[in-house]
C-alpha cells in the first residue's frame, strides 16, 4: 500500500515538473526565466530584440 502511495507521489510530481517546463519553454528562454528582469543574459537579449524592432521600422 505504501509503495503505491510513494509511486503516485513520484509520478504526480514528475508530471507537474514536466508541464511546468513545457509551459515555460513555449514562452522562450528569457520569458520563462524567473529572474528575467535582473539577469544580464535576459536583459541583453531583450535589448537586442528591441533594437531589431527599431531597425525593422526604419
PDB file of N, CA and C in Angstrom:
ATOM      1  N   UNK A   1       0.820  -1.199   0.000  1.00  0.00           N
ATOM      2  CA  UNK A   1       0.000   0.000   0.000  1.00  0.00           C
ATOM      3  C   UNK A   1       0.866   1.266   0.000  1.00  0.00           C
ATOM      4  N   UNK A   2       1.878   1.296   0.847  1.00  0.00           N
ATOM      5  CA  UNK A   2       2.749   2.466   0.917  1.00  0.00           C
ATOM      6  C   UNK A   2       3.540   2.624  -0.380  1.00  0.00           C
ATOM      7  N   UNK A   3       3.853   1.497  -1.024  1.00  0.00           N
ATOM      8  CA  UNK A   3       4.580   1.561  -2.294  1.00  0.00           C
ATOM      9  C   UNK A   3       3.748   2.276  -3.360  1.00  0.00           C
ATOM     10  N   UNK A   4       2.459   2.025  -3.382  1.00  0.00           N
ATOM     11  CA  UNK A   4       1.577   2.655  -4.360  1.00  0.00           C
ATOM     12  C   UNK A   4       1.492   4.160  -4.097  1.00  0.00           C
ATOM     13  N   UNK A   5       1.415   4.546  -2.835  1.00  0.00           N
ATOM     14  CA  UNK A   5       1.338   5.964  -2.485  1.00  0.00           C
ATOM     15  C   UNK A   5       2.625   6.680  -2.885  1.00  0.00           C
ATOM     16  N   UNK A   6       3.757   6.068  -2.622  1.00  0.00           N
ATOM     17  CA  UNK A   6       5.047   6.661  -2.994  1.00  0.00           C
ATOM     18  C   UNK A   6       5.159   6.759  -4.510  1.00  0.00           C
ATOM     19  N   UNK A   7       4.760   5.724  -5.222  1.00  0.00           N
ATOM     20  CA  UNK A   7       4.809   5.731  -6.685  1.00  0.00           C
ATOM     21  C   UNK A   7       3.912   6.827  -7.258  1.00  0.00           C
ATOM     22  N   UNK A   8       2.706   6.970  -6.726  1.00  0.00           N
ATOM     23  CA  UNK A   8       1.796   8.018  -7.196  1.00  0.00           C
ATOM     24  C   UNK A   8       2.351   9.412  -6.899  1.00  0.00           C
ATOM     25  N   UNK A   9       3.000   9.580  -5.770  1.00  0.00           N
ATOM     26  CA  UNK A   9       3.598  10.874  -5.434  1.00  0.00           C
ATOM     27  C   UNK A   9       4.728  11.213  -6.403  1.00  0.00           C
ATOM     28  N   UNK A  10       5.556  10.246  -6.716  1.00  0.00           N
ATOM     29  CA  UNK A  10       6.666  10.469  -7.647  1.00  0.00           C
ATOM     30  C   UNK A  10       6.142  10.770  -9.046  1.00  0.00           C
ATOM     31  N   UNK A  11       5.175  10.012  -9.514  1.00  0.00           N
ATOM     32  CA  UNK A  11       4.607  10.228 -10.846  1.00  0.00           C
ATOM     33  C   UNK A  11       3.877  11.568 -10.926  1.00  0.00           C
ATOM     34  N   UNK A  12       3.164  11.939  -9.882  1.00  0.00           N
ATOM     35  CA  UNK A  12       2.465  13.216  -9.871  1.00  0.00           C
ATOM     36  C   UNK A  12       3.433  14.386  -9.908  1.00  0.00           C
ATOM     37  N   UNK A  13       4.489  14.315  -9.127  1.00  0.00           N
ATOM     38  CA  UNK A  13       5.487  15.376  -9.112  1.00  0.00           C
ATOM     39  C   UNK A  13       6.202  15.458 -10.467  1.00  0.00           C
ATOM     40  N   UNK A  14       6.519  14.320 -11.056  1.00  0.00           N
ATOM     41  CA  UNK A  14       7.180  14.305 -12.360  1.00  0.00           C
ATOM     42  C   UNK A  14       6.289  14.934 -13.428  1.00  0.00           C
ATOM     43  N   UNK A  15       5.006  14.627 -13.403  1.00  0.00           N
ATOM     44  CA  UNK A  15       4.075  15.213 -14.373  1.00  0.00           C
ATOM     45  C   UNK A  15       3.978  16.721 -14.173  1.00  0.00           C
ATOM     46  N   UNK A  16       3.936  17.189 -12.928  1.00  0.00           N
ATOM     47  CA  UNK A  16       3.846  18.613 -12.632  1.00  0.00           C
ATOM     48  C   UNK A  16       5.089  19.357 -13.136  1.00  0.00           C
ATOM     49  N   UNK A  17       6.273  18.777 -12.900  1.00  0.00           N
ATOM     50  CA  UNK A  17       7.517  19.398 -13.363  1.00  0.00           C
ATOM     51  C   UNK A  17       7.560  19.432 -14.883  1.00  0.00           C
ATOM     52  N   UNK A  18       7.121  18.384 -15.531  1.00  0.00           N
ATOM     53  CA  UNK A  18       7.115  18.331 -16.990  1.00  0.00           C
ATOM     54  C   UNK A  18       6.171  19.380 -17.580  1.00  0.00           C
ATOM     55  N   UNK A  19       4.985  19.512 -17.030  1.00  0.00           N
ATOM     56  CA  UNK A  19       4.024  20.501 -17.515  1.00  0.00           C
ATOM     57  C   UNK A  19       4.566  21.908 -17.310  1.00  0.00           C
ATOM     58  N   UNK A  20       5.159  22.167 -16.160  1.00  0.00           N
ATOM     59  CA  UNK A  20       5.727  23.491 -15.887  1.00  0.00           C
ATOM     60  C   UNK A  20       6.863  23.800 -16.850  1.00  0.00           C
ATOM     61  N   UNK A  21       7.702  22.815 -17.134  1.00  0.00           N
ATOM     62  CA  UNK A  21       8.800  23.000 -18.076  1.00  0.00           C
ATOM     63  C   UNK A  21       8.279  23.312 -19.479  1.00  0.00           C
ATOM     64  N   UNK A  22       7.268  22.580 -19.925  1.00  0.00           N
ATOM     65  CA  UNK A  22       6.718  22.793 -21.262  1.00  0.00           C
ATOM     66  C   UNK A  22       6.070  24.168 -21.388  1.00  0.00           C
ATOM     67  N   UNK A  23       5.378  24.615 -20.350  1.00  0.00           N
ATOM     68  CA  UNK A  23       4.756  25.945 -20.399  1.00  0.00           C
ATOM     69  C   UNK A  23       5.820  27.032 -20.488  1.00  0.00           C
ATOM     70  N   UNK A  24       6.886  26.895 -19.723  1.00  0.00           N
ATOM     71  CA  UNK A  24       7.944  27.906 -19.758  1.00  0.00           C
ATOM     72  C   UNK A  24       8.724  27.850 -21.066  1.00  0.00           C
ATOM     73  N   UNK A  25       8.899  26.676 -21.632  1.00  0.00           N
ATOM     74  CA  UNK A  25       9.656  26.572 -22.878  1.00  0.00           C
ATOM     75  C   UNK A  25       8.889  27.197 -24.044  1.00  0.00           C
ATOM     76  N   UNK A  26       7.569  27.209 -23.985  1.00  0.00           N
ATOM     77  CA  UNK A  26       6.768  27.854 -25.031  1.00  0.00           C
ATOM     78  C   UNK A  26       6.927  29.368 -24.996  1.00  0.00           C
ATOM     79  N   UNK A  27       7.233  29.916 -23.816  1.00  0.00           N
ATOM     80  CA  UNK A  27       7.400  31.357 -23.680  1.00  0.00           C
ATOM     81  C   UNK A  27       8.743  31.822 -24.213  1.00  0.00           C
ATOM     82  N   UNK A  28       9.670  30.934 -24.387  1.00  0.00           N
ATOM     83  CA  UNK A  28      11.011  31.307 -24.815  1.00  0.00           C
ATOM     84  C   UNK A  28      11.960  31.241 -23.638  1.00  0.00           C
ATOM     85  N   UNK A  29      13.242  31.310 -23.926  1.00  0.00           N
ATOM     86  CA  UNK A  29      14.240  31.125 -22.881  1.00  0.00           C
ATOM     87  C   UNK A  29      14.154  32.196 -21.813  1.00  0.00           C
ATOM     88  N   UNK A  30      14.087  33.439 -22.197  1.00  0.00           N
ATOM     89  CA  UNK A  30      14.116  34.509 -21.210  1.00  0.00           C
ATOM     90  C   UNK A  30      12.743  34.799 -20.619  1.00  0.00           C
ATOM     91  N   UNK A  31      11.703  34.584 -21.357  1.00  0.00           N
ATOM     92  CA  UNK A  31      10.369  34.838 -20.824  1.00  0.00           C
ATOM     93  C   UNK A  31      10.029  33.842 -19.728  1.00  0.00           C
ATOM     94  N   UNK A  32      10.577  32.646 -19.815  1.00  0.00           N
ATOM     95  CA  UNK A  32      10.315  31.640 -18.811  1.00  0.00           C
ATOM     96  C   UNK A  32      11.221  31.721 -17.614  1.00  0.00           C
ATOM     97  N   UNK A  33      12.228  32.577 -17.675  1.00  0.00           N
ATOM     98  CA  UNK A  33      13.201  32.715 -16.597  1.00  0.00           C
ATOM     99  C   UNK A  33      12.575  33.482 -15.440  1.00  0.00           C
ATOM    100  N   UNK A  34      12.714  32.973 -14.226  1.00  0.00           N
ATOM    101  CA  UNK A  34      12.126  33.651 -13.077  1.00  0.00           C
ATOM    102  C   UNK A  34      12.856  34.939 -12.730  1.00  0.00           C
ATOM    103  N   UNK A  35      14.104  35.082 -13.169  1.00  0.00           N
ATOM    104  CA  UNK A  35      14.862  36.304 -12.884  1.00  0.00           C
ATOM    105  C   UNK A  35      15.131  37.081 -14.160  1.00  0.00           C
ATOM    106  N   UNK A  36      14.174  37.114 -15.082  1.00  0.00           N
ATOM    107  CA  UNK A  36      14.383  37.742 -16.389  1.00  0.00           C
ATOM    108  C   UNK A  36      14.616  39.241 -16.291  1.00  0.00           C
ATOM    109  N   UNK A  37      14.146  39.881 -15.230  1.00  0.00           N
ATOM    110  CA  UNK A  37      14.327  41.323 -15.104  1.00  0.00           C
ATOM    111  C   UNK A  37      15.731  41.683 -14.630  1.00  0.00           C
ATOM    112  N   UNK A  38      16.362  40.793 -13.853  1.00  0.00           N
ATOM    113  CA  UNK A  38      17.668  41.127 -13.287  1.00  0.00           C
ATOM    114  C   UNK A  38      18.810  40.322 -13.903  1.00  0.00           C
ATOM    115  N   UNK A  39      18.510  39.384 -14.761  1.00  0.00           N
ATOM    116  CA  UNK A  39      19.532  38.536 -15.372  1.00  0.00           C
ATOM    117  C   UNK A  39      20.212  39.295 -16.510  1.00  0.00           C
ATOM    118  N   UNK A  40      21.545  39.423 -16.504  1.00  0.00           N
ATOM    119  CA  UNK A  40      22.212  40.149 -17.584  1.00  0.00           C
ATOM    120  C   UNK A  40      22.013  39.490 -18.948  1.00  0.00           C
ATOM    121  N   UNK A  41      21.956  38.178 -18.990  1.00  0.00           N
ATOM    122  CA  UNK A  41      21.732  37.486 -20.261  1.00  0.00           C
ATOM    123  C   UNK A  41      20.357  37.757 -20.810  1.00  0.00           C
ATOM    124  N   UNK A  42      19.347  37.753 -19.938  1.00  0.00           N
ATOM    125  CA  UNK A  42      17.977  38.014 -20.374  1.00  0.00           C
ATOM    126  C   UNK A  42      17.801  39.474 -20.744  1.00  0.00           C
ATOM    127  N   UNK A  43      18.385  40.358 -19.969  1.00  0.00           N
ATOM    128  CA  UNK A  43      18.252  41.791 -20.262  1.00  0.00           C
ATOM    129  C   UNK A  43      18.923  42.117 -21.591  1.00  0.00           C
ATOM    130  N   UNK A  44      20.052  41.486 -21.869  1.00  0.00           N
ATOM    131  CA  UNK A  44      20.745  41.726 -23.130  1.00  0.00           C
ATOM    132  C   UNK A  44      19.960  41.235 -24.314  1.00  0.00           C
ATOM    133  N   UNK A  45      19.310  40.097 -24.184  1.00  0.00           N
ATOM    134  CA  UNK A  45      18.553  39.568 -25.317  1.00  0.00           C
ATOM    135  C   UNK A  45      17.304  40.398 -25.565  1.00  0.00           C
ATOM    136  N   UNK A  46      16.683  40.922 -24.509  1.00  0.00           N
ATOM    137  CA  UNK A  46      15.501  41.754 -24.734  1.00  0.00           C
ATOM    138  C   UNK A  46      15.896  43.077 -25.369  1.00  0.00           C
ATOM    139  N   UNK A  47      17.083  43.592 -25.041  1.00  0.00           N
ATOM    140  CA  UNK A  47      17.554  44.817 -25.672  1.00  0.00           C
ATOM    141  C   UNK A  47      17.845  44.556 -27.142  1.00  0.00           C
ATOM    142  N   UNK A  48      18.386  43.394 -27.458  1.00  0.00           N
ATOM    143  CA  UNK A  48      18.664  43.055 -28.854  1.00  0.00           C
ATOM    144  C   UNK A  48      17.371  42.942 -29.651  1.00  0.00           C
ATOM    145  N   UNK A  49      16.324  42.386 -29.046  1.00  0.00           N
ATOM    146  CA  UNK A  49      15.046  42.270 -29.731  1.00  0.00           C
ATOM    147  C   UNK A  49      14.457  43.652 -29.985  1.00  0.00           C
ATOM    148  N   UNK A  50      14.546  44.549 -28.992  1.00  0.00           N
ATOM    149  CA  UNK A  50      14.029  45.907 -29.159  1.00  0.00           C
ATOM    150  C   UNK A  50      14.807  46.632 -30.252  1.00  0.00           C
ATOM    151  N   UNK A  51      16.124  46.451 -30.282  1.00  0.00           N
ATOM    152  CA  UNK A  51      16.967  47.083 -31.280  1.00  0.00           C
ATOM    153  C   UNK A  51      16.605  46.575 -32.669  1.00  0.00           C
ATOM    154  N   UNK A  52      16.333  45.266 -32.774  1.00  0.00           N
ATOM    155  CA  UNK A  52      15.954  44.684 -34.062  1.00  0.00           C
ATOM    156  C   UNK A  52      14.615  45.244 -34.528  1.00  0.00           C
ATOM    157  N   UNK A  53      13.675  45.460 -33.612  1.00  0.00           N
ATOM    158  CA  UNK A  53      12.372  46.008 -33.987  1.00  0.00           C
ATOM    159  C   UNK A  53      12.515  47.440 -34.485  1.00  0.00           C
ATOM    160  N   UNK A  54      13.401  48.193 -33.860  1.00  0.00           N
ATOM    161  CA  UNK A  54      13.622  49.575 -34.284  1.00  0.00           C
ATOM    162  C   UNK A  54      14.243  49.603 -35.678  1.00  0.00           C
ATOM    163  N   UNK A  55      15.193  48.691 -35.936  1.00  0.00           N
ATOM    164  CA  UNK A  55      15.828  48.630 -37.253  1.00  0.00           C
ATOM    165  C   UNK A  55      14.808  48.271 -38.332  1.00  0.00           C
ATOM    166  N   UNK A  56      13.886  47.374 -38.007  1.00  0.00           N
ATOM    167  CA  UNK A  56      12.877  46.966 -38.980  1.00  0.00           C
ATOM    168  C   UNK A  56      11.943  48.113 -39.321  1.00  0.00           C
ATOM    169  N   UNK A  57      11.647  48.973 -38.341  1.00  0.00           N
ATOM    170  CA  UNK A  57      10.709  50.053 -38.599  1.00  0.00           C
ATOM    171  C   UNK A  57      11.334  51.205 -39.384  1.00  0.00           C
ATOM    172  N   UNK A  58      12.665  51.241 -39.426  1.00  0.00           N
ATOM    173  CA  UNK A  58      13.363  52.333 -40.151  1.00  0.00           C
ATOM    174  C   UNK A  58      13.406  52.069 -41.618  1.00  0.00           C
TER     175      UNK A  58
END
